[in-house]
Amino acid sequence: MENRSFDISHLIPTPEFLYGFSTCTSIGSHSSIQLVALDDLQLGVHKVSSSTTHNTVQPPAPEFESPDQKTPTLAWEALYPAGSVNPSGPIPGGFGFYLSGPSVFAQRLESATEAIFSYRMMLQDGWEWMVVWATSRTDVQAVDRKNAANVSISGLCGGKFISSTYINILTIVLNYRPNAIGELYAYLPLTTSNATQLSSVPPLSVANADYGISVGRGAFKLDKAISRWMSIAFRIKLNDVGELEVWTDGRSVMTSVGLSFRESEAGKIKGMHLQTFFGVGLIVHRGHGTDWASPKDQRAWFSDVTGVILR
C-alpha cells in the first residue's frame, strides 16, 4: 500500500502550470508547488462562518480506496446536524470561509487570468441524500469589491438569491440532486452568448428563472464519495474568451467555452471560498428550508486543498 504511486492529475489535471500550492503531502517534492499544512494561518483563511466549525481531524478510514490515490491523514470535518440548512440557519450546519492561499501564491494570483482549484472529499458511510446537496461552487464577483473578481470553491445547495446589489456577479454552484446526480448551477452576466453556451452542455442543461442555469445535469454522480475519497477540480479562464471545466477523479466531465466571466479588465482572481451545507443558500427561500435540510446528523471531510496558476 505504501509503495503505490500517487496520481497528481486528480488534483492538477494539466501537465503545465506556472505555480501552485497544495496541502496534499502525497504530491512530494515539486519545483512549482509549495506544500503547506492544512492550517488556517498558512492558507490565509479569513471571513470564517462564526456559527460552524471546520476542525482539522484524522478522518475515518475509507471503505473503498483507489489504487492510484493515497488516503489523506488530516482533513477539515464538516458537521450537518439533522434539520440544518446552512451555516447561518436556526440549526447551523456545514462550514464556510474564504482562502487566499499562501502569501506567494496570493501575490502571483493577482495577475493571473487562468487557474485551477481542487480538493478531495469524502462523505460518511450511510450518507443520506435530500432534495439537493452540493459541495462546490466557483464565484467571480465584481460588485462591492472594487471590481476585484473572486474565484471560489465552495459547497452550496440550490439557488442563490440575486438582488439588485449583485449586478455583476458570476456564481457557479456544483450541485447534487436526489440519487447523487450532479450538475452545475451558473449565474453569469446575462449575455446571449453565455446563455447559448451553457445551455448546450450535455447531457442536459436547463434554464431556471429563479436559480440560474442548470448545466450538465447528470454529467457526474457524487455517490462515489460515500466512504471513499473523491477528487474535484475546477478550471476558470477569465475573459477573453472565458472557459470553465470540471473534473472528477481526474476525468473531465464538463466544459464550456465562449463565456463572459467579468465585465471589466479590472476583475481579478482573488482566491477560494470553501463552503458546504444543505439548503438553498445563505438566503433560504420560503417553503424550502425543511425540504432541503439534512435528514439526520451527518459528516463529511475535505482535504488536499490545491490551487495552481496556468497563466
C-alpha atoms as a PDB file:
ATOM      1  CA  MET A   1       0.000   0.000   0.000  1.00  0.00           C
ATOM      2  CA  GLU A   2       2.755   2.458   0.874  1.00  0.00           C
ATOM      3  CA  ASN A   3       4.628   1.786  -2.395  1.00  0.00           C
ATOM      4  CA  ARG A   4       1.823   2.718  -4.755  1.00  0.00           C
ATOM      5  CA  SER A   5       2.278   5.872  -6.809  1.00  0.00           C
ATOM      6  CA  PHE A   6       0.140   8.976  -6.396  1.00  0.00           C
ATOM      7  CA  ASP A   7      -1.637  10.313  -9.484  1.00  0.00           C
ATOM      8  CA  ILE A   8      -1.260  14.097  -9.266  1.00  0.00           C
ATOM      9  CA  SER A   9      -3.644  14.573 -12.202  1.00  0.00           C
ATOM     10  CA  HIS A  10      -6.628  14.068  -9.892  1.00  0.00           C
ATOM     11  CA  LEU A  11      -5.790  17.385  -8.219  1.00  0.00           C
ATOM     12  CA  ILE A  12      -3.886  19.127 -11.021  1.00  0.00           C
ATOM     13  CA  PRO A  13      -5.376  17.786 -14.283  1.00  0.00           C
ATOM     14  CA  THR A  14      -2.911  19.548 -16.563  1.00  0.00           C
ATOM     15  CA  PRO A  15       0.780  18.854 -17.213  1.00  0.00           C
ATOM     16  CA  GLU A  16       1.749  22.530 -17.455  1.00  0.00           C
ATOM     17  CA  PHE A  17       1.268  25.310 -14.926  1.00  0.00           C
ATOM     18  CA  LEU A  18       3.268  28.232 -13.585  1.00  0.00           C
ATOM     19  CA  TYR A  19       2.990  27.962  -9.817  1.00  0.00           C
ATOM     20  CA  GLY A  20       0.774  26.468  -7.166  1.00  0.00           C
ATOM     21  CA  PHE A  21       0.252  25.219  -3.637  1.00  0.00           C
ATOM     22  CA  SER A  22      -1.206  22.082  -2.091  1.00  0.00           C
ATOM     23  CA  THR A  23      -1.904  20.571   1.306  1.00  0.00           C
ATOM     24  CA  CYS A  24      -1.554  17.089  -0.229  1.00  0.00           C
ATOM     25  CA  THR A  25       1.589  15.561   1.275  1.00  0.00           C
ATOM     26  CA  SER A  26       1.468  12.684  -1.228  1.00  0.00           C
ATOM     27  CA  ILE A  27       2.490  15.009  -4.065  1.00  0.00           C
ATOM     28  CA  GLY A  28       6.049  15.015  -2.783  1.00  0.00           C
ATOM     29  CA  SER A  29       8.743  17.416  -3.963  1.00  0.00           C
ATOM     30  CA  HIS A  30       7.778  19.567  -6.953  1.00  0.00           C
ATOM     31  CA  SER A  31       9.659  22.697  -8.005  1.00  0.00           C
ATOM     32  CA  SER A  32       6.488  24.634  -8.855  1.00  0.00           C
ATOM     33  CA  ILE A  33       4.284  23.539  -5.946  1.00  0.00           C
ATOM     34  CA  GLN A  34       4.512  24.915  -2.417  1.00  0.00           C
ATOM     35  CA  LEU A  35       3.461  22.285   0.121  1.00  0.00           C
ATOM     36  CA  VAL A  36       1.605  23.774   3.081  1.00  0.00           C
ATOM     37  CA  ALA A  37      -0.186  22.385   6.107  1.00  0.00           C
ATOM     38  CA  LEU A  38      -3.970  22.196   6.327  1.00  0.00           C
ATOM     39  CA  ASP A  39      -3.817  25.222   8.600  1.00  0.00           C
ATOM     40  CA  ASP A  40      -5.900  28.402   8.603  1.00  0.00           C
ATOM     41  CA  LEU A  41      -2.954  30.743   9.095  1.00  0.00           C
ATOM     42  CA  GLN A  42      -0.754  29.182   6.407  1.00  0.00           C
ATOM     43  CA  LEU A  43      -3.624  29.079   3.916  1.00  0.00           C
ATOM     44  CA  GLY A  44      -4.769  32.648   4.512  1.00  0.00           C
ATOM     45  CA  VAL A  45      -8.212  31.625   5.788  1.00  0.00           C
ATOM     46  CA  HIS A  46     -10.479  34.570   6.635  1.00  0.00           C
ATOM     47  CA  LYS A  47     -14.148  35.560   6.938  1.00  0.00           C
ATOM     48  CA  VAL A  48     -14.909  32.305   8.736  1.00  0.00           C
ATOM     49  CA  SER A  49     -18.555  31.442   9.463  1.00  0.00           C
ATOM     50  CA  SER A  50     -18.928  32.055  13.205  1.00  0.00           C
ATOM     51  CA  SER A  51     -21.706  29.510  13.780  1.00  0.00           C
ATOM     52  CA  THR A  52     -19.921  26.416  12.482  1.00  0.00           C
ATOM     53  CA  THR A  53     -16.578  24.652  12.821  1.00  0.00           C
ATOM     54  CA  HIS A  54     -14.075  23.185  10.391  1.00  0.00           C
ATOM     55  CA  ASN A  55     -11.892  21.290  12.836  1.00  0.00           C
ATOM     56  CA  THR A  56      -8.808  19.553  11.483  1.00  0.00           C
ATOM     57  CA  VAL A  57      -9.214  15.867  12.316  1.00  0.00           C
ATOM     58  CA  GLN A  58      -7.908  12.456  11.375  1.00  0.00           C
ATOM     59  CA  PRO A  59     -10.673  11.234   9.054  1.00  0.00           C
ATOM     60  CA  PRO A  60     -12.074   7.710   9.302  1.00  0.00           C
ATOM     61  CA  ALA A  61     -10.576   5.051   7.078  1.00  0.00           C
ATOM     62  CA  PRO A  62     -12.471   4.825   3.781  1.00  0.00           C
ATOM     63  CA  GLU A  63     -14.251   1.619   2.898  1.00  0.00           C
ATOM     64  CA  PHE A  64     -13.011   1.900  -0.676  1.00  0.00           C
ATOM     65  CA  GLU A  65      -9.536   3.047  -1.763  1.00  0.00           C
ATOM     66  CA  SER A  66      -8.342   3.995  -5.244  1.00  0.00           C
ATOM     67  CA  PRO A  67      -5.164   2.195  -6.355  1.00  0.00           C
ATOM     68  CA  ASP A  68      -3.530   5.440  -7.553  1.00  0.00           C
ATOM     69  CA  GLN A  69      -4.574   7.658  -4.626  1.00  0.00           C
ATOM     70  CA  LYS A  70      -3.389   7.757  -1.028  1.00  0.00           C
ATOM     71  CA  THR A  71      -5.707   8.353   1.898  1.00  0.00           C
ATOM     72  CA  PRO A  72      -5.372  11.824   3.485  1.00  0.00           C
ATOM     73  CA  THR A  73      -4.208  11.714   7.087  1.00  0.00           C
ATOM     74  CA  LEU A  74      -5.783  15.077   8.010  1.00  0.00           C
ATOM     75  CA  ALA A  75      -8.987  16.739   6.842  1.00  0.00           C
ATOM     76  CA  TRP A  76     -11.418  19.514   7.657  1.00  0.00           C
ATOM     77  CA  GLU A  77     -14.564  17.995   9.135  1.00  0.00           C
ATOM     78  CA  ALA A  78     -17.995  19.372   8.256  1.00  0.00           C
ATOM     79  CA  LEU A  79     -20.927  18.625  10.568  1.00  0.00           C
ATOM     80  CA  TYR A  80     -24.516  18.686   9.269  1.00  0.00           C
ATOM     81  CA  PRO A  81     -26.926  18.262  12.215  1.00  0.00           C
ATOM     82  CA  ALA A  82     -30.389  16.904  11.461  1.00  0.00           C
ATOM     83  CA  GLY A  83     -32.563  19.782  10.278  1.00  0.00           C
ATOM     84  CA  SER A  84     -29.640  22.041   9.360  1.00  0.00           C
ATOM     85  CA  VAL A  85     -29.911  24.112   6.190  1.00  0.00           C
ATOM     86  CA  ASN A  86     -26.878  26.392   6.154  1.00  0.00           C
ATOM     87  CA  PRO A  87     -24.238  27.936   8.455  1.00  0.00           C
ATOM     88  CA  SER A  88     -26.477  30.867   9.441  1.00  0.00           C
ATOM     89  CA  GLY A  89     -29.748  28.975   9.941  1.00  0.00           C
ATOM     90  CA  PRO A  90     -31.516  28.179  13.246  1.00  0.00           C
ATOM     91  CA  ILE A  91     -29.626  24.875  13.226  1.00  0.00           C
ATOM     92  CA  PRO A  92     -26.196  25.742  11.788  1.00  0.00           C
ATOM     93  CA  GLY A  93     -24.615  23.131   9.545  1.00  0.00           C
ATOM     94  CA  GLY A  94     -21.600  22.745   7.282  1.00  0.00           C
ATOM     95  CA  PHE A  95     -18.937  25.457   7.240  1.00  0.00           C
ATOM     96  CA  GLY A  96     -17.755  28.424   5.208  1.00  0.00           C
ATOM     97  CA  PHE A  97     -14.712  30.653   4.836  1.00  0.00           C
ATOM     98  CA  TYR A  98     -12.508  32.430   2.302  1.00  0.00           C
ATOM     99  CA  LEU A  99      -8.992  31.285   1.490  1.00  0.00           C
ATOM    100  CA  SER A 100      -6.362  33.337  -0.319  1.00  0.00           C
ATOM    101  CA  GLY A 101      -3.624  30.688  -0.231  1.00  0.00           C
ATOM    102  CA  PRO A 102      -0.013  31.128   0.916  1.00  0.00           C
ATOM    103  CA  SER A 103       1.305  34.680   0.533  1.00  0.00           C
ATOM    104  CA  VAL A 104       3.468  33.985  -2.537  1.00  0.00           C
ATOM    105  CA  PHE A 105       0.590  32.261  -4.330  1.00  0.00           C
ATOM    106  CA  ALA A 106      -1.830  35.056  -3.396  1.00  0.00           C
ATOM    107  CA  GLN A 107       0.541  37.669  -4.815  1.00  0.00           C
ATOM    108  CA  ARG A 108       1.004  35.807  -8.099  1.00  0.00           C
ATOM    109  CA  LEU A 109      -2.735  35.228  -8.361  1.00  0.00           C
ATOM    110  CA  GLU A 110      -3.272  38.984  -8.623  1.00  0.00           C
ATOM    111  CA  SER A 111      -2.091  38.941 -12.242  1.00  0.00           C
ATOM    112  CA  ALA A 112      -3.462  35.501 -13.196  1.00  0.00           C
ATOM    113  CA  THR A 113      -6.175  35.001 -15.805  1.00  0.00           C
ATOM    114  CA  GLU A 114      -6.488  31.206 -15.641  1.00  0.00           C
ATOM    115  CA  ALA A 115      -6.302  28.905 -12.629  1.00  0.00           C
ATOM    116  CA  ILE A 116      -7.334  25.514 -11.290  1.00  0.00           C
ATOM    117  CA  PHE A 117      -8.602  24.900  -7.759  1.00  0.00           C
ATOM    118  CA  SER A 118      -9.188  21.419  -6.411  1.00  0.00           C
ATOM    119  CA  TYR A 119      -9.706  19.308  -3.315  1.00  0.00           C
ATOM    120  CA  ARG A 120     -10.702  15.833  -2.197  1.00  0.00           C
ATOM    121  CA  MET A 121     -13.795  14.994  -0.201  1.00  0.00           C
ATOM    122  CA  MET A 122     -15.417  12.011   1.478  1.00  0.00           C
ATOM    123  CA  LEU A 123     -18.973  11.560   2.733  1.00  0.00           C
ATOM    124  CA  GLN A 124     -19.657   9.382   5.749  1.00  0.00           C
ATOM    125  CA  ASP A 125     -20.736   5.782   5.353  1.00  0.00           C
ATOM    126  CA  GLY A 126     -24.534   5.642   5.248  1.00  0.00           C
ATOM    127  CA  TRP A 127     -24.866   9.158   3.816  1.00  0.00           C
ATOM    128  CA  GLU A 128     -28.480  10.150   3.107  1.00  0.00           C
ATOM    129  CA  TRP A 129     -29.383  12.465   0.242  1.00  0.00           C
ATOM    130  CA  MET A 130     -32.086  15.097   0.469  1.00  0.00           C
ATOM    131  CA  VAL A 131     -33.710  17.213  -2.226  1.00  0.00           C
ATOM    132  CA  VAL A 132     -30.413  18.854  -3.153  1.00  0.00           C
ATOM    133  CA  TRP A 133     -26.931  18.920  -1.681  1.00  0.00           C
ATOM    134  CA  ALA A 134     -23.773  20.420  -3.087  1.00  0.00           C
ATOM    135  CA  THR A 135     -20.140  20.760  -2.261  1.00  0.00           C
ATOM    136  CA  SER A 136     -18.513  23.133  -4.700  1.00  0.00           C
ATOM    137  CA  ARG A 137     -19.050  26.442  -6.291  1.00  0.00           C
ATOM    138  CA  THR A 138     -16.950  28.971  -8.101  1.00  0.00           C
ATOM    139  CA  ASP A 139     -17.672  32.678  -7.781  1.00  0.00           C
ATOM    140  CA  VAL A 140     -16.280  35.528  -9.795  1.00  0.00           C
ATOM    141  CA  GLN A 141     -17.555  38.772  -8.316  1.00  0.00           C
ATOM    142  CA  ALA A 142     -17.080  42.355  -9.444  1.00  0.00           C
ATOM    143  CA  VAL A 143     -19.530  44.036  -7.100  1.00  0.00           C
ATOM    144  CA  ASP A 144     -18.745  45.911  -3.896  1.00  0.00           C
ATOM    145  CA  ARG A 145     -15.163  44.627  -4.231  1.00  0.00           C
ATOM    146  CA  LYS A 146     -13.738  47.421  -6.397  1.00  0.00           C
ATOM    147  CA  ASN A 147     -14.072  45.220  -9.500  1.00  0.00           C
ATOM    148  CA  ALA A 148     -11.795  42.585  -7.958  1.00  0.00           C
ATOM    149  CA  ALA A 149     -13.131  39.256  -9.208  1.00  0.00           C
ATOM    150  CA  ASN A 150     -13.226  36.478  -6.645  1.00  0.00           C
ATOM    151  CA  VAL A 151     -12.924  32.880  -7.787  1.00  0.00           C
ATOM    152  CA  SER A 152     -14.054  30.487  -5.126  1.00  0.00           C
ATOM    153  CA  ILE A 153     -14.718  26.849  -4.483  1.00  0.00           C
ATOM    154  CA  SER A 154     -17.476  26.165  -2.032  1.00  0.00           C
ATOM    155  CA  GLY A 155     -20.410  23.983  -1.159  1.00  0.00           C
ATOM    156  CA  LEU A 156     -23.893  25.308  -1.638  1.00  0.00           C
ATOM    157  CA  CYS A 157     -27.280  23.729  -2.111  1.00  0.00           C
ATOM    158  CA  GLY A 158     -29.833  25.064  -4.513  1.00  0.00           C
ATOM    159  CA  GLY A 159     -30.059  28.623  -5.725  1.00  0.00           C
ATOM    160  CA  LYS A 160     -28.632  31.898  -4.569  1.00  0.00           C
ATOM    161  CA  PHE A 161     -30.880  34.924  -4.324  1.00  0.00           C
ATOM    162  CA  ILE A 162     -29.680  37.538  -6.800  1.00  0.00           C
ATOM    163  CA  SER A 163     -30.736  41.038  -5.756  1.00  0.00           C
ATOM    164  CA  SER A 164     -30.108  44.355  -7.485  1.00  0.00           C
ATOM    165  CA  THR A 165     -26.905  44.753  -5.477  1.00  0.00           C
ATOM    166  CA  TYR A 166     -25.391  41.742  -7.258  1.00  0.00           C
ATOM    167  CA  ILE A 167     -25.444  43.018 -10.819  1.00  0.00           C
ATOM    168  CA  ASN A 168     -22.000  41.914 -11.981  1.00  0.00           C
ATOM    169  CA  ILE A 169     -21.711  38.543 -10.314  1.00  0.00           C
ATOM    170  CA  LEU A 170     -20.813  35.092 -11.520  1.00  0.00           C
ATOM    171  CA  THR A 171     -21.697  32.164  -9.314  1.00  0.00           C
ATOM    172  CA  ILE A 172     -21.102  28.568 -10.352  1.00  0.00           C
ATOM    173  CA  VAL A 173     -22.542  26.037  -7.919  1.00  0.00           C
ATOM    174  CA  LEU A 174     -21.627  22.370  -8.127  1.00  0.00           C
ATOM    175  CA  ASN A 175     -24.959  20.851  -7.174  1.00  0.00           C
ATOM    176  CA  TYR A 176     -26.231  17.367  -6.348  1.00  0.00           C
ATOM    177  CA  ARG A 177     -29.791  16.237  -6.839  1.00  0.00           C
ATOM    178  CA  PRO A 178     -31.515  13.129  -5.445  1.00  0.00           C
ATOM    179  CA  ASN A 179     -29.622   9.894  -6.072  1.00  0.00           C
ATOM    180  CA  ALA A 180     -26.344  11.850  -6.221  1.00  0.00           C
ATOM    181  CA  ILE A 181     -26.998  13.280  -9.704  1.00  0.00           C
ATOM    182  CA  GLY A 182     -24.524  16.106 -10.307  1.00  0.00           C
ATOM    183  CA  GLU A 183     -24.986  19.397 -12.113  1.00  0.00           C
ATOM    184  CA  LEU A 184     -23.574  22.913 -12.248  1.00  0.00           C
ATOM    185  CA  TYR A 185     -25.734  25.925 -11.457  1.00  0.00           C
ATOM    186  CA  ALA A 186     -24.393  29.005 -13.240  1.00  0.00           C
ATOM    187  CA  TYR A 187     -25.206  32.670 -12.684  1.00  0.00           C
ATOM    188  CA  LEU A 188     -23.157  34.605 -15.231  1.00  0.00           C
ATOM    189  CA  PRO A 189     -23.602  38.048 -16.780  1.00  0.00           C
ATOM    190  CA  LEU A 190     -26.867  37.915 -18.720  1.00  0.00           C
ATOM    191  CA  THR A 191     -25.467  37.756 -22.243  1.00  0.00           C
ATOM    192  CA  THR A 192     -26.844  35.815 -25.190  1.00  0.00           C
ATOM    193  CA  SER A 193     -23.512  34.049 -25.643  1.00  0.00           C
ATOM    194  CA  ASN A 194     -23.412  32.862 -22.025  1.00  0.00           C
ATOM    195  CA  ALA A 195     -26.962  31.516 -22.214  1.00  0.00           C
ATOM    196  CA  THR A 196     -26.294  29.752 -25.519  1.00  0.00           C
ATOM    197  CA  GLN A 197     -23.014  28.173 -24.473  1.00  0.00           C
ATOM    198  CA  LEU A 198     -24.195  26.976 -21.054  1.00  0.00           C
ATOM    199  CA  SER A 199     -27.496  25.624 -22.387  1.00  0.00           C
ATOM    200  CA  SER A 200     -25.618  23.406 -24.847  1.00  0.00           C
ATOM    201  CA  VAL A 201     -23.580  21.489 -22.239  1.00  0.00           C
ATOM    202  CA  PRO A 202     -24.555  17.774 -22.238  1.00  0.00           C
ATOM    203  CA  PRO A 203     -26.228  15.627 -21.119  1.00  0.00           C
ATOM    204  CA  LEU A 204     -28.909  18.133 -20.010  1.00  0.00           C
ATOM    205  CA  SER A 205     -28.887  21.868 -19.324  1.00  0.00           C
ATOM    206  CA  VAL A 206     -31.998  23.770 -18.241  1.00  0.00           C
ATOM    207  CA  ALA A 207     -32.598  27.491 -17.650  1.00  0.00           C
ATOM    208  CA  ASN A 208     -34.377  28.286 -14.378  1.00  0.00           C
ATOM    209  CA  ALA A 209     -35.789  31.771 -13.813  1.00  0.00           C
ATOM    210  CA  ASP A 210     -35.153  31.612 -10.057  1.00  0.00           C
ATOM    211  CA  TYR A 211     -31.911  29.650  -9.744  1.00  0.00           C
ATOM    212  CA  GLY A 212     -29.876  30.348 -12.871  1.00  0.00           C
ATOM    213  CA  ILE A 213     -28.950  27.727 -15.473  1.00  0.00           C
ATOM    214  CA  SER A 214     -28.684  24.068 -14.501  1.00  0.00           C
ATOM    215  CA  VAL A 215     -25.655  22.976 -16.541  1.00  0.00           C
ATOM    216  CA  GLY A 216     -24.628  19.427 -17.441  1.00  0.00           C
ATOM    217  CA  ARG A 217     -27.158  17.670 -15.223  1.00  0.00           C
ATOM    218  CA  GLY A 218     -26.130  14.022 -14.962  1.00  0.00           C
ATOM    219  CA  ALA A 219     -22.547  14.600 -16.148  1.00  0.00           C
ATOM    220  CA  PHE A 220     -21.269  13.043 -12.916  1.00  0.00           C
ATOM    221  CA  LYS A 221     -22.508  11.464  -9.685  1.00  0.00           C
ATOM    222  CA  LEU A 222     -21.416  12.045  -6.120  1.00  0.00           C
ATOM    223  CA  ASP A 223     -22.186   8.569  -4.815  1.00  0.00           C
ATOM    224  CA  LYS A 224     -18.519   7.702  -5.392  1.00  0.00           C
ATOM    225  CA  ALA A 225     -17.670   9.967  -2.449  1.00  0.00           C
ATOM    226  CA  ILE A 226     -19.531   7.819   0.093  1.00  0.00           C
ATOM    227  CA  SER A 227     -16.854   6.230   2.282  1.00  0.00           C
ATOM    228  CA  ARG A 228     -14.342   6.968  -0.493  1.00  0.00           C
ATOM    229  CA  TRP A 229     -12.111   9.939  -1.280  1.00  0.00           C
ATOM    230  CA  MET A 230     -13.261  11.721  -4.440  1.00  0.00           C
ATOM    231  CA  SER A 231     -11.303  14.476  -6.213  1.00  0.00           C
ATOM    232  CA  ILE A 232     -12.987  17.564  -7.662  1.00  0.00           C
ATOM    233  CA  ALA A 233     -11.209  20.226  -9.719  1.00  0.00           C
ATOM    234  CA  PHE A 234     -12.329  23.459 -11.396  1.00  0.00           C
ATOM    235  CA  ARG A 235     -10.615  25.408 -14.156  1.00  0.00           C
ATOM    236  CA  ILE A 236     -11.566  29.029 -14.748  1.00  0.00           C
ATOM    237  CA  LYS A 237     -10.226  31.143 -17.609  1.00  0.00           C
ATOM    238  CA  LEU A 238     -11.297  34.771 -17.466  1.00  0.00           C
ATOM    239  CA  ASN A 239     -12.230  36.859 -20.494  1.00  0.00           C
ATOM    240  CA  ASP A 240     -11.432  36.915 -23.263  1.00  0.00           C
ATOM    241  CA  VAL A 241     -12.759  34.280 -24.178  1.00  0.00           C
ATOM    242  CA  GLY A 242     -13.843  32.718 -20.883  1.00  0.00           C
ATOM    243  CA  GLU A 243     -13.818  28.979 -20.206  1.00  0.00           C
ATOM    244  CA  LEU A 244     -14.811  26.679 -17.373  1.00  0.00           C
ATOM    245  CA  GLU A 245     -14.101  22.995 -16.859  1.00  0.00           C
ATOM    246  CA  VAL A 246     -14.849  20.468 -14.126  1.00  0.00           C
ATOM    247  CA  TRP A 247     -13.044  17.208 -13.386  1.00  0.00           C
ATOM    248  CA  THR A 248     -13.952  14.393 -11.019  1.00  0.00           C
ATOM    249  CA  ASP A 249     -11.219  11.918 -10.121  1.00  0.00           C
ATOM    250  CA  GLY A 250      -9.049  13.294 -12.912  1.00  0.00           C
ATOM    251  CA  ARG A 251     -11.681  12.870 -15.633  1.00  0.00           C
ATOM    252  CA  SER A 252     -13.088  15.910 -17.427  1.00  0.00           C
ATOM    253  CA  VAL A 253     -16.872  15.765 -17.038  1.00  0.00           C
ATOM    254  CA  MET A 254     -17.949  19.247 -18.070  1.00  0.00           C
ATOM    255  CA  THR A 255     -16.576  22.010 -20.319  1.00  0.00           C
ATOM    256  CA  SER A 256     -17.967  25.280 -21.611  1.00  0.00           C
ATOM    257  CA  VAL A 257     -16.176  27.920 -23.707  1.00  0.00           C
ATOM    258  CA  GLY A 258     -17.002  31.334 -25.121  1.00  0.00           C
ATOM    259  CA  LEU A 259     -18.128  32.678 -21.737  1.00  0.00           C
ATOM    260  CA  SER A 260     -18.003  36.141 -20.171  1.00  0.00           C
ATOM    261  CA  PHE A 261     -16.993  35.987 -16.508  1.00  0.00           C
ATOM    262  CA  ARG A 262     -16.280  39.666 -15.922  1.00  0.00           C
ATOM    263  CA  GLU A 263     -17.325  42.967 -17.410  1.00  0.00           C
ATOM    264  CA  SER A 264     -14.102  44.845 -16.686  1.00  0.00           C
ATOM    265  CA  GLU A 265     -10.405  44.116 -17.143  1.00  0.00           C
ATOM    266  CA  ALA A 266     -10.017  45.232 -13.517  1.00  0.00           C
ATOM    267  CA  GLY A 267     -11.583  41.954 -12.399  1.00  0.00           C
ATOM    268  CA  LYS A 268      -9.014  39.661 -10.809  1.00  0.00           C
ATOM    269  CA  ILE A 269      -8.939  36.195  -9.296  1.00  0.00           C
ATOM    270  CA  LYS A 270      -8.661  36.715  -5.540  1.00  0.00           C
ATOM    271  CA  GLY A 271      -8.775  33.251  -4.002  1.00  0.00           C
ATOM    272  CA  MET A 272     -11.074  30.449  -2.912  1.00  0.00           C
ATOM    273  CA  HIS A 273     -14.328  30.317  -0.987  1.00  0.00           C
ATOM    274  CA  LEU A 274     -14.791  26.961   0.702  1.00  0.00           C
ATOM    275  CA  GLN A 275     -18.340  26.389   1.835  1.00  0.00           C
ATOM    276  CA  THR A 276     -20.613  23.400   2.317  1.00  0.00           C
ATOM    277  CA  PHE A 277     -24.133  22.955   3.676  1.00  0.00           C
ATOM    278  CA  PHE A 278     -27.619  21.612   2.996  1.00  0.00           C
ATOM    279  CA  GLY A 279     -30.261  24.101   1.900  1.00  0.00           C
ATOM    280  CA  VAL A 280     -30.930  26.705  -0.752  1.00  0.00           C
ATOM    281  CA  GLY A 281     -28.222  29.190   0.009  1.00  0.00           C
ATOM    282  CA  LEU A 282     -27.488  31.804   2.606  1.00  0.00           C
ATOM    283  CA  ILE A 283     -30.904  33.286   1.898  1.00  0.00           C
ATOM    284  CA  VAL A 284     -33.406  30.474   2.461  1.00  0.00           C
ATOM    285  CA  HIS A 285     -36.421  30.702   0.194  1.00  0.00           C
ATOM    286  CA  ARG A 286     -39.754  30.366   1.957  1.00  0.00           C
ATOM    287  CA  GLY A 287     -41.085  26.820   1.958  1.00  0.00           C
ATOM    288  CA  HIS A 288     -37.757  25.216   1.050  1.00  0.00           C
ATOM    289  CA  GLY A 289     -35.951  25.148   4.389  1.00  0.00           C
ATOM    290  CA  THR A 290     -37.225  21.867   5.849  1.00  0.00           C
ATOM    291  CA  ASP A 291     -37.399  20.196   2.439  1.00  0.00           C
ATOM    292  CA  TRP A 292     -33.714  20.860   1.849  1.00  0.00           C
ATOM    293  CA  ALA A 293     -32.417  20.181   5.352  1.00  0.00           C
ATOM    294  CA  SER A 294     -30.112  17.336   6.363  1.00  0.00           C
ATOM    295  CA  PRO A 295     -32.315  14.328   7.246  1.00  0.00           C
ATOM    296  CA  LYS A 296     -30.012  13.248  10.099  1.00  0.00           C
ATOM    297  CA  ASP A 297     -26.718  14.085  11.806  1.00  0.00           C
ATOM    298  CA  GLN A 298     -24.060  13.618   9.125  1.00  0.00           C
ATOM    299  CA  ARG A 299     -20.385  14.348   8.479  1.00  0.00           C
ATOM    300  CA  ALA A 300     -18.117  14.963   5.514  1.00  0.00           C
ATOM    301  CA  TRP A 301     -14.371  15.532   5.226  1.00  0.00           C
ATOM    302  CA  PHE A 302     -12.369  17.823   2.926  1.00  0.00           C
ATOM    303  CA  SER A 303      -8.634  17.600   2.310  1.00  0.00           C
ATOM    304  CA  ASP A 304      -5.772  18.029  -0.194  1.00  0.00           C
ATOM    305  CA  VAL A 305      -6.775  21.621  -0.995  1.00  0.00           C
ATOM    306  CA  THR A 306      -4.829  22.732  -4.062  1.00  0.00           C
ATOM    307  CA  GLY A 307      -4.524  25.742  -6.345  1.00  0.00           C
ATOM    308  CA  VAL A 308      -2.375  26.291  -9.453  1.00  0.00           C
ATOM    309  CA  ILE A 309      -1.931  29.219 -11.820  1.00  0.00           C
ATOM    310  CA  LEU A 310      -1.961  28.360 -15.525  1.00  0.00           C
ATOM    311  CA  ARG A 311      -1.417  31.869 -16.910  1.00  0.00           C
END
